[in-house]
Amino acid sequence: MSADFPLHRHICRFETLLRSVTPAKELVDLAAAAFRNHRKKQAMNADRSRKAIEKELAEIERKVKQLPDRIVEAGSPAVISAYEVRIADLESTKLFLRDKMARAAQPKRDFDKSL
């Protein structure tokens, strides 16, 4: 039993040390509240970004719908070609914005469920 005594003493010392480095519940709660607040702000920013992108997409869609009429009215092949390039650029921008909106989506998991 004498061989177990030093081990028991080391275990007790380790438990004491472990308790001393464990943060207080209040500190853990404060940190969780800070992270929760940060995630909430991120979600609000993502929502604002999504709305701004949706508005920009609607404006681009409006422009794209106007261009075919202009192409029909245009008599010059150079003007028609310029309008076609403009439509292609706007369509490309729409794809970029949709991708950006998808990447700015809400977090996959709720903060409290992640704990």
N, C-alpha and C. Protein backbone atom coordinates (compact mmCIF):
# COMPACT_ATOMS: atom_id res chain seq x y z
N MET A 1 0.82 -1.19 0.00
CA MET A 1 0.00 0.00 0.00
C MET A 1 0.86 1.25 0.00
N SER A 2 2.08 1.16 0.42
CA SER A 2 2.96 2.33 0.46
C SER A 2 3.26 2.85 -0.94
N ALA A 3 3.26 1.96 -1.94
CA ALA A 3 3.51 2.39 -3.32
C ALA A 3 2.33 3.19 -3.85
N ASP A 4 1.09 2.91 -3.36
CA ASP A 4 -0.10 3.63 -3.80
C ASP A 4 -0.19 5.03 -3.20
N PHE A 5 0.42 5.22 -2.02
CA PHE A 5 0.31 6.51 -1.34
C PHE A 5 0.89 7.66 -2.15
N PRO A 6 2.11 7.55 -2.70
CA PRO A 6 2.63 8.65 -3.51
C PRO A 6 1.77 8.92 -4.74
N LEU A 7 1.22 7.87 -5.33
CA LEU A 7 0.34 8.04 -6.48
C LEU A 7 -0.91 8.80 -6.08
N HIS A 8 -1.49 8.44 -4.95
CA HIS A 8 -2.70 9.10 -4.46
C HIS A 8 -2.40 10.58 -4.18
N ARG A 9 -1.26 10.86 -3.63
CA ARG A 9 -0.87 12.23 -3.31
C ARG A 9 -0.72 13.04 -4.62
N HIS A 10 -0.14 12.43 -5.63
CA HIS A 10 0.01 13.11 -6.92
C HIS A 10 -1.35 13.35 -7.59
N ILE A 11 -2.23 12.39 -7.44
CA ILE A 11 -3.57 12.55 -8.00
C ILE A 11 -4.29 13.70 -7.31
N CYS A 12 -4.17 13.79 -6.00
CA CYS A 12 -4.79 14.88 -5.25
C CYS A 12 -4.21 16.23 -5.68
N ARG A 13 -2.91 16.29 -5.83
CA ARG A 13 -2.26 17.53 -6.27
C ARG A 13 -2.74 17.91 -7.68
N PHE A 14 -2.84 16.91 -8.53
CA PHE A 14 -3.31 17.16 -9.90
C PHE A 14 -4.75 17.69 -9.88
N GLU A 15 -5.61 17.09 -9.06
CA GLU A 15 -6.99 17.55 -8.98
C GLU A 15 -7.05 18.99 -8.48
N THR A 16 -6.22 19.32 -7.51
CA THR A 16 -6.17 20.69 -6.99
C THR A 16 -5.70 21.65 -8.08
N LEU A 17 -4.67 21.26 -8.80
CA LEU A 17 -4.17 22.08 -9.88
C LEU A 17 -5.23 22.26 -10.97
N LEU A 18 -5.91 21.20 -11.30
CA LEU A 18 -6.95 21.25 -12.33
C LEU A 18 -8.08 22.19 -11.91
N ARG A 19 -8.49 22.14 -10.65
CA ARG A 19 -9.53 23.04 -10.18
C ARG A 19 -9.07 24.50 -10.26
N SER A 20 -7.81 24.74 -10.04
CA SER A 20 -7.31 26.12 -10.04
C SER A 20 -7.26 26.72 -11.45
N VAL A 21 -7.15 25.90 -12.48
CA VAL A 21 -7.11 26.42 -13.85
C VAL A 21 -8.45 26.34 -14.56
N THR A 22 -9.45 25.76 -13.93
CA THR A 22 -10.79 25.69 -14.50
C THR A 22 -11.46 27.04 -14.32
N PRO A 23 -11.95 27.66 -15.41
CA PRO A 23 -12.57 28.98 -15.28
C PRO A 23 -13.86 28.91 -14.47
N ALA A 24 -14.16 29.99 -13.80
CA ALA A 24 -15.40 30.08 -13.02
C ALA A 24 -16.59 30.07 -13.98
N LYS A 25 -17.72 29.59 -13.50
CA LYS A 25 -18.93 29.51 -14.31
C LYS A 25 -19.30 30.88 -14.85
N GLU A 26 -19.13 31.91 -14.05
CA GLU A 26 -19.46 33.27 -14.49
C GLU A 26 -18.62 33.68 -15.71
N LEU A 27 -17.33 33.31 -15.69
CA LEU A 27 -16.45 33.63 -16.80
C LEU A 27 -16.87 32.88 -18.07
N VAL A 28 -17.23 31.62 -17.91
CA VAL A 28 -17.70 30.83 -19.06
C VAL A 28 -18.99 31.43 -19.60
N ASP A 29 -19.90 31.82 -18.71
CA ASP A 29 -21.16 32.43 -19.14
C ASP A 29 -20.92 33.76 -19.86
N LEU A 30 -19.97 34.55 -19.34
CA LEU A 30 -19.64 35.83 -19.97
C LEU A 30 -19.06 35.61 -21.37
N ALA A 31 -18.16 34.66 -21.50
CA ALA A 31 -17.56 34.37 -22.80
C ALA A 31 -18.63 33.86 -23.78
N ALA A 32 -19.52 33.00 -23.30
CA ALA A 32 -20.59 32.49 -24.17
C ALA A 32 -21.50 33.62 -24.62
N ALA A 33 -21.81 34.54 -23.71
CA ALA A 33 -22.65 35.69 -24.07
C ALA A 33 -21.96 36.56 -25.11
N ALA A 34 -20.66 36.76 -24.96
CA ALA A 34 -19.90 37.56 -25.93
C ALA A 34 -19.90 36.88 -27.30
N PHE A 35 -19.67 35.59 -27.35
CA PHE A 35 -19.69 34.86 -28.62
C PHE A 35 -21.09 34.87 -29.23
N ARG A 36 -22.10 34.70 -28.39
CA ARG A 36 -23.49 34.71 -28.87
C ARG A 36 -23.80 36.08 -29.49
N ASN A 37 -23.37 37.14 -28.83
CA ASN A 37 -23.59 38.50 -29.33
C ASN A 37 -22.87 38.69 -30.66
N HIS A 38 -21.65 38.19 -30.75
CA HIS A 38 -20.87 38.31 -31.99
C HIS A 38 -21.57 37.56 -33.13
N ARG A 39 -22.05 36.36 -32.86
CA ARG A 39 -22.75 35.58 -33.89
C ARG A 39 -24.02 36.29 -34.34
N LYS A 40 -24.71 36.93 -33.37
CA LYS A 40 -25.93 37.65 -33.69
C LYS A 40 -25.62 38.82 -34.63
N LYS A 41 -24.53 39.55 -34.34
CA LYS A 41 -24.12 40.66 -35.20
C LYS A 41 -23.74 40.16 -36.59
N GLN A 42 -23.05 39.02 -36.65
CA GLN A 42 -22.69 38.44 -37.94
C GLN A 42 -23.95 38.09 -38.74
N ALA A 43 -24.95 37.55 -38.07
CA ALA A 43 -26.20 37.18 -38.74
C ALA A 43 -26.91 38.43 -39.26
N MET A 44 -26.88 39.50 -38.47
CA MET A 44 -27.51 40.75 -38.91
C MET A 44 -26.77 41.33 -40.11
N ASN A 45 -25.44 41.28 -40.07
CA ASN A 45 -24.66 41.77 -41.21
C ASN A 45 -24.91 40.94 -42.46
N ALA A 46 -25.01 39.62 -42.28
CA ALA A 46 -25.28 38.73 -43.41
C ALA A 46 -26.65 39.05 -44.00
N ASP A 47 -27.62 39.34 -43.13
CA ASP A 47 -28.96 39.67 -43.60
C ASP A 47 -28.95 40.98 -44.39
N ARG A 48 -28.21 41.98 -43.88
CA ARG A 48 -28.10 43.25 -44.61
C ARG A 48 -27.42 43.05 -45.96
N SER A 49 -26.37 42.25 -45.97
CA SER A 49 -25.65 41.97 -47.22
C SER A 49 -26.57 41.27 -48.21
N ARG A 50 -27.32 40.30 -47.72
CA ARG A 50 -28.25 39.56 -48.59
C ARG A 50 -29.28 40.51 -49.20
N LYS A 51 -29.82 41.41 -48.39
CA LYS A 51 -30.82 42.36 -48.91
C LYS A 51 -30.22 43.31 -49.94
N ALA A 52 -28.99 43.76 -49.69
CA ALA A 52 -28.32 44.65 -50.65
C ALA A 52 -28.05 43.91 -51.96
N ILE A 53 -27.65 42.65 -51.87
CA ILE A 53 -27.40 41.86 -53.07
C ILE A 53 -28.70 41.62 -53.83
N GLU A 54 -29.77 41.32 -53.09
CA GLU A 54 -31.08 41.12 -53.75
C GLU A 54 -31.51 42.38 -54.50
N LYS A 55 -31.28 43.53 -53.88
CA LYS A 55 -31.63 44.80 -54.52
C LYS A 55 -30.80 45.00 -55.79
N GLU A 56 -29.50 44.71 -55.71
CA GLU A 56 -28.63 44.84 -56.87
C GLU A 56 -29.03 43.86 -57.97
N LEU A 57 -29.39 42.65 -57.58
CA LEU A 57 -29.85 41.66 -58.58
C LEU A 57 -31.11 42.13 -59.28
N ALA A 58 -32.03 42.72 -58.54
CA ALA A 58 -33.27 43.23 -59.14
C ALA A 58 -32.95 44.35 -60.13
N GLU A 59 -32.02 45.22 -59.79
CA GLU A 59 -31.62 46.30 -60.69
C GLU A 59 -30.98 45.74 -61.97
N ILE A 60 -30.14 44.74 -61.81
CA ILE A 60 -29.51 44.12 -62.98
C ILE A 60 -30.56 43.45 -63.85
N GLU A 61 -31.51 42.78 -63.24
CA GLU A 61 -32.58 42.11 -63.99
C GLU A 61 -33.39 43.13 -64.78
N ARG A 62 -33.66 44.27 -64.16
CA ARG A 62 -34.39 45.33 -64.85
C ARG A 62 -33.61 45.81 -66.09
N LYS A 63 -32.30 45.98 -65.93
CA LYS A 63 -31.45 46.42 -67.05
C LYS A 63 -31.42 45.37 -68.17
N VAL A 64 -31.32 44.09 -67.77
CA VAL A 64 -31.26 43.01 -68.77
C VAL A 64 -32.56 42.97 -69.58
N LYS A 65 -33.69 43.21 -68.92
CA LYS A 65 -34.98 43.18 -69.63
C LYS A 65 -35.12 44.34 -70.62
N GLN A 66 -34.45 45.44 -70.36
CA GLN A 66 -34.53 46.60 -71.26
C GLN A 66 -33.67 46.42 -72.51
N LEU A 67 -32.58 45.71 -72.39
CA LEU A 67 -31.61 45.63 -73.48
C LEU A 67 -32.12 44.95 -74.76
N PRO A 68 -32.92 43.89 -74.68
CA PRO A 68 -33.40 43.30 -75.95
C PRO A 68 -34.21 44.29 -76.79
N ASP A 69 -35.00 45.14 -76.14
CA ASP A 69 -35.75 46.16 -76.88
C ASP A 69 -34.79 47.11 -77.59
N ARG A 70 -33.73 47.46 -76.92
CA ARG A 70 -32.73 48.36 -77.53
C ARG A 70 -32.02 47.67 -78.70
N ILE A 71 -31.79 46.37 -78.55
CA ILE A 71 -31.14 45.63 -79.64
C ILE A 71 -32.03 45.65 -80.89
N VAL A 72 -33.34 45.45 -80.67
CA VAL A 72 -34.28 45.44 -81.79
C VAL A 72 -34.31 46.81 -82.47
N GLU A 73 -34.26 47.87 -81.66
CA GLU A 73 -34.32 49.24 -82.20
C GLU A 73 -33.01 49.66 -82.87
N ALA A 74 -31.91 49.04 -82.46
CA ALA A 74 -30.61 49.45 -83.00
C ALA A 74 -30.47 49.02 -84.45
N GLY A 75 -29.85 49.87 -85.22
CA GLY A 75 -29.66 49.54 -86.63
C GLY A 75 -28.23 49.14 -86.92
N SER A 76 -27.36 49.51 -86.07
CA SER A 76 -25.94 49.28 -86.31
C SER A 76 -25.48 47.95 -85.70
N PRO A 77 -24.77 47.16 -86.49
CA PRO A 77 -24.24 45.91 -85.94
C PRO A 77 -23.29 46.14 -84.76
N ALA A 78 -22.56 47.24 -84.78
CA ALA A 78 -21.65 47.53 -83.67
C ALA A 78 -22.43 47.81 -82.38
N VAL A 79 -23.54 48.53 -82.50
CA VAL A 79 -24.38 48.82 -81.34
C VAL A 79 -25.02 47.54 -80.82
N ILE A 80 -25.50 46.73 -81.74
CA ILE A 80 -26.10 45.44 -81.34
C ILE A 80 -25.08 44.59 -80.61
N SER A 81 -23.88 44.54 -81.15
CA SER A 81 -22.82 43.76 -80.51
C SER A 81 -22.50 44.31 -79.12
N ALA A 82 -22.47 45.62 -78.98
CA ALA A 82 -22.20 46.23 -77.67
C ALA A 82 -23.30 45.87 -76.67
N TYR A 83 -24.55 45.89 -77.10
CA TYR A 83 -25.65 45.50 -76.21
C TYR A 83 -25.54 44.03 -75.81
N GLU A 84 -25.17 43.18 -76.75
CA GLU A 84 -25.02 41.76 -76.44
C GLU A 84 -23.90 41.53 -75.42
N VAL A 85 -22.80 42.27 -75.57
CA VAL A 85 -21.70 42.19 -74.60
C VAL A 85 -22.19 42.66 -73.24
N ARG A 86 -22.97 43.73 -73.24
CA ARG A 86 -23.50 44.28 -71.98
C ARG A 86 -24.40 43.25 -71.30
N ILE A 87 -25.24 42.59 -72.05
CA ILE A 87 -26.12 41.56 -71.47
C ILE A 87 -25.28 40.43 -70.88
N ALA A 88 -24.25 40.00 -71.59
CA ALA A 88 -23.38 38.94 -71.08
C ALA A 88 -22.68 39.37 -69.79
N ASP A 89 -22.23 40.63 -69.74
CA ASP A 89 -21.59 41.14 -68.52
C ASP A 89 -22.57 41.16 -67.35
N LEU A 90 -23.78 41.61 -67.61
CA LEU A 90 -24.80 41.66 -66.55
C LEU A 90 -25.14 40.26 -66.06
N GLU A 91 -25.25 39.31 -66.96
CA GLU A 91 -25.55 37.92 -66.57
C GLU A 91 -24.40 37.35 -65.72
N SER A 92 -23.19 37.68 -66.11
CA SER A 92 -22.03 37.24 -65.33
C SER A 92 -22.05 37.85 -63.94
N THR A 93 -22.39 39.13 -63.86
CA THR A 93 -22.49 39.80 -62.55
C THR A 93 -23.57 39.16 -61.70
N LYS A 94 -24.69 38.80 -62.32
CA LYS A 94 -25.76 38.12 -61.57
C LYS A 94 -25.27 36.81 -60.97
N LEU A 95 -24.54 36.03 -61.75
CA LEU A 95 -24.00 34.76 -61.24
C LEU A 95 -23.06 35.01 -60.06
N PHE A 96 -22.19 36.01 -60.20
CA PHE A 96 -21.26 36.35 -59.13
C PHE A 96 -22.02 36.74 -57.86
N LEU A 97 -23.04 37.58 -58.01
CA LEU A 97 -23.80 38.04 -56.84
C LEU A 97 -24.57 36.90 -56.19
N ARG A 98 -25.11 36.01 -56.98
CA ARG A 98 -25.83 34.85 -56.40
C ARG A 98 -24.87 33.96 -55.62
N ASP A 99 -23.67 33.78 -56.15
CA ASP A 99 -22.66 33.01 -55.43
C ASP A 99 -22.26 33.71 -54.13
N LYS A 100 -22.09 35.01 -54.21
CA LYS A 100 -21.73 35.80 -53.03
C LYS A 100 -22.83 35.71 -51.96
N MET A 101 -24.07 35.75 -52.40
CA MET A 101 -25.20 35.66 -51.48
C MET A 101 -25.24 34.29 -50.81
N ALA A 102 -24.93 33.26 -51.56
CA ALA A 102 -24.93 31.91 -51.00
C ALA A 102 -23.82 31.76 -49.95
N ARG A 103 -22.67 32.38 -50.22
CA ARG A 103 -21.55 32.29 -49.27
C ARG A 103 -21.81 33.12 -48.02
N ALA A 104 -22.64 34.14 -48.13
CA ALA A 104 -22.94 35.01 -46.98
C ALA A 104 -24.14 34.49 -46.19
N ALA A 105 -24.50 33.25 -46.41
CA ALA A 105 -25.66 32.68 -45.73
C ALA A 105 -25.44 32.59 -44.23
N GLN A 106 -26.51 32.32 -43.54
CA GLN A 106 -26.47 32.19 -42.08
C GLN A 106 -25.56 31.04 -41.67
N PRO A 107 -25.03 31.08 -40.43
CA PRO A 107 -24.21 29.97 -39.94
C PRO A 107 -24.99 28.66 -40.01
N LYS A 108 -24.26 27.58 -40.24
CA LYS A 108 -24.91 26.27 -40.39
C LYS A 108 -25.58 25.79 -39.11
N ARG A 109 -24.94 26.11 -37.96
CA ARG A 109 -25.50 25.66 -36.68
C ARG A 109 -25.71 26.84 -35.75
N ASP A 110 -26.71 26.74 -34.91
CA ASP A 110 -26.98 27.74 -33.89
C ASP A 110 -25.88 27.68 -32.83
N PHE A 111 -25.47 28.84 -32.31
CA PHE A 111 -24.38 28.88 -31.33
C PHE A 111 -24.70 28.03 -30.10
N ASP A 112 -25.91 28.19 -29.55
CA ASP A 112 -26.25 27.44 -28.33
C ASP A 112 -26.27 25.93 -28.56
N LYS A 113 -26.63 25.51 -29.75
CA LYS A 113 -26.63 24.08 -30.05
C LYS A 113 -25.21 23.56 -30.25
N SER A 114 -24.27 24.47 -30.55
CA SER A 114 -22.87 24.08 -30.75
C SER A 114 -22.15 23.83 -29.45
N LEU A 115 -22.68 24.38 -28.36
CA LEU A 115 -21.99 24.24 -27.06
C LEU A 115 -22.00 22.84 -26.55
